[in-house]
Amino acid sequence: MKLIFLLVCVLGMAYGSRLLQIALWPKVQVRVLSSREEITGKDEGFTTGWLHAELEYWYQSQQYLVQWRGDLMRYRPLPDSLWMVVPPARPGHPRFPIPAIKPIIVLAISMVGLASQLPGIF
């Protein structure tokens, strides 16, 4: 049982490190040029489907015009402009930022769990 808990703590640290990396990506101001809704159905009174948008932003002195798609229930409606993060390796694929507190909490919980298991292993 201790080995499984140790594995979960190590995986939590890897996940928290990835979240921290994403939280530190550069932010860009994005303009929403156009958006449209693609409705695929209704789920208990809520409309389900996709929100399609054409986004424009500048990153490292280069202008990007990209097509973006997101879950209709999560991202409706989009404002005229918003902040997004850009992965340095894929500047044509912006994402919504995550709060910086989320990776800190995941890493802290994983470290406390790992520290509680280390004395019992040796």
Protein backbone atom coordinates (compact mmCIF):
# COMPACT_ATOMS: atom_id res chain seq x y z
CA MET A 1 0.00 0.00 0.00
CA LYS A 2 2.88 2.33 0.80
CA LEU A 3 4.39 1.69 -2.61
CA ILE A 4 1.14 2.66 -4.37
CA PHE A 5 0.90 5.85 -2.29
CA LEU A 6 4.55 6.64 -3.11
CA LEU A 7 3.82 6.15 -6.82
CA VAL A 8 0.80 8.47 -6.60
CA CYS A 9 2.96 11.12 -4.89
CA VAL A 10 5.64 10.89 -7.58
CA LEU A 11 3.04 11.11 -10.35
CA GLY A 12 1.48 14.09 -8.55
CA MET A 13 4.86 15.82 -8.54
CA ALA A 14 5.25 15.21 -12.27
CA TYR A 15 1.73 16.55 -12.93
CA GLY A 16 2.33 19.58 -10.70
CA SER A 17 5.61 20.32 -12.49
CA ARG A 18 3.83 20.24 -15.85
CA LEU A 19 1.10 22.56 -14.55
CA LEU A 20 3.76 24.95 -13.24
CA GLN A 21 5.45 24.94 -16.63
CA ILE A 22 2.13 25.81 -18.33
CA ALA A 23 1.42 28.55 -15.77
CA LEU A 24 4.76 30.18 -16.66
CA TRP A 25 4.12 30.30 -20.42
CA PRO A 26 4.06 33.82 -21.89
CA LYS A 27 0.68 35.57 -21.94
CA VAL A 28 -0.61 37.36 -25.02
CA GLN A 29 -3.55 39.70 -25.58
CA VAL A 30 -5.89 37.98 -28.05
CA ARG A 31 -8.56 39.65 -30.16
CA VAL A 32 -11.61 37.62 -31.11
CA LEU A 33 -12.34 38.51 -34.74
CA SER A 34 -15.39 36.27 -35.12
CA SER A 35 -17.09 33.42 -33.33
CA ARG A 36 -19.91 31.01 -34.04
CA GLU A 37 -21.67 28.22 -32.17
CA GLU A 38 -22.04 24.68 -33.48
CA ILE A 39 -24.86 23.07 -31.54
CA THR A 40 -24.74 19.27 -31.39
CA GLY A 41 -27.53 18.60 -28.91
CA LYS A 42 -29.27 19.42 -25.67
CA ASP A 43 -28.32 17.92 -22.33
CA GLU A 44 -30.80 18.46 -19.49
CA GLY A 45 -31.78 21.90 -20.73
CA PHE A 46 -28.24 22.97 -21.61
CA THR A 47 -27.03 23.34 -25.19
CA THR A 48 -23.99 21.21 -26.00
CA GLY A 49 -21.60 21.64 -28.91
CA TRP A 50 -18.57 23.62 -29.99
CA LEU A 51 -17.63 27.28 -29.98
CA HIS A 52 -15.53 28.19 -33.01
CA ALA A 53 -13.57 31.46 -33.06
CA GLU A 54 -11.02 33.21 -35.21
CA LEU A 55 -8.30 34.70 -33.00
CA GLU A 56 -5.62 37.28 -33.73
CA TYR A 57 -2.56 37.98 -31.59
CA TRP A 58 1.08 39.01 -31.77
CA TYR A 59 3.86 36.86 -30.33
CA GLN A 60 7.59 37.64 -30.72
CA SER A 61 6.95 40.31 -33.39
CA GLN A 62 4.88 37.95 -35.52
CA GLN A 63 1.15 38.15 -36.12
CA TYR A 64 -0.92 34.99 -35.77
CA LEU A 65 -4.43 34.38 -37.12
CA VAL A 66 -5.68 31.05 -35.81
CA GLN A 67 -8.88 29.05 -35.78
CA TRP A 68 -9.80 27.96 -32.27
CA ARG A 69 -12.43 25.52 -31.01
CA GLY A 70 -13.67 24.99 -27.47
CA ASP A 71 -16.48 23.35 -25.57
CA LEU A 72 -19.65 25.42 -25.89
CA MET A 73 -20.73 24.86 -22.27
CA ARG A 74 -17.37 26.01 -20.94
CA TYR A 75 -16.42 29.02 -23.06
CA ARG A 76 -19.65 30.78 -24.00
CA PRO A 77 -19.59 33.68 -24.77
CA LEU A 78 -16.10 34.94 -25.58
CA PRO A 79 -15.34 38.64 -24.99
CA ASP A 80 -13.89 40.82 -27.75
CA SER A 81 -10.42 40.47 -26.27
CA LEU A 82 -8.89 38.18 -23.67
CA TRP A 83 -5.60 36.88 -22.28
CA MET A 84 -4.29 33.49 -23.36
CA VAL A 85 -0.98 31.68 -22.93
CA VAL A 86 1.18 30.53 -25.81
CA PRO A 87 3.34 27.40 -25.66
CA PRO A 88 6.85 28.47 -26.78
CA ALA A 89 7.22 25.36 -28.95
CA ARG A 90 3.80 25.81 -30.63
CA PRO A 91 3.00 29.54 -30.89
CA GLY A 92 0.06 28.87 -33.21
CA HIS A 93 -1.90 27.03 -30.48
CA PRO A 94 -2.99 29.41 -27.71
CA ARG A 95 -4.62 28.10 -24.54
CA PHE A 96 -6.50 29.60 -21.66
CA PRO A 97 -4.23 30.26 -18.68
CA ILE A 98 -4.45 28.24 -15.49
CA PRO A 99 -4.29 29.90 -12.08
CA ALA A 100 -0.78 29.88 -10.62
CA ILE A 101 -2.08 28.52 -7.32
CA LYS A 102 -3.18 25.20 -8.86
CA PRO A 103 0.33 23.80 -9.55
CA ILE A 104 1.55 25.08 -6.18
CA ILE A 105 -1.23 23.20 -4.37
CA VAL A 106 -0.64 19.98 -6.35
CA LEU A 107 3.11 20.15 -5.72
CA ALA A 108 2.65 20.91 -2.00
CA ILE A 109 0.26 18.00 -1.46
CA SER A 110 2.56 15.64 -3.38
CA MET A 111 5.62 16.76 -1.42
CA VAL A 112 3.89 16.35 1.94
CA GLY A 113 2.73 12.86 0.93
CA LEU A 114 6.20 11.97 -0.30
CA ALA A 115 7.84 13.32 2.86
CA SER A 116 5.46 11.30 5.02
CA GLN A 117 6.42 8.11 3.19
CA LEU A 118 10.20 8.54 3.10
CA PRO A 119 10.91 7.65 6.78
CA GLY A 120 8.91 4.43 6.42
CA ILE A 121 10.80 3.30 3.31
CA PHE A 122 14.32 3.39 4.72
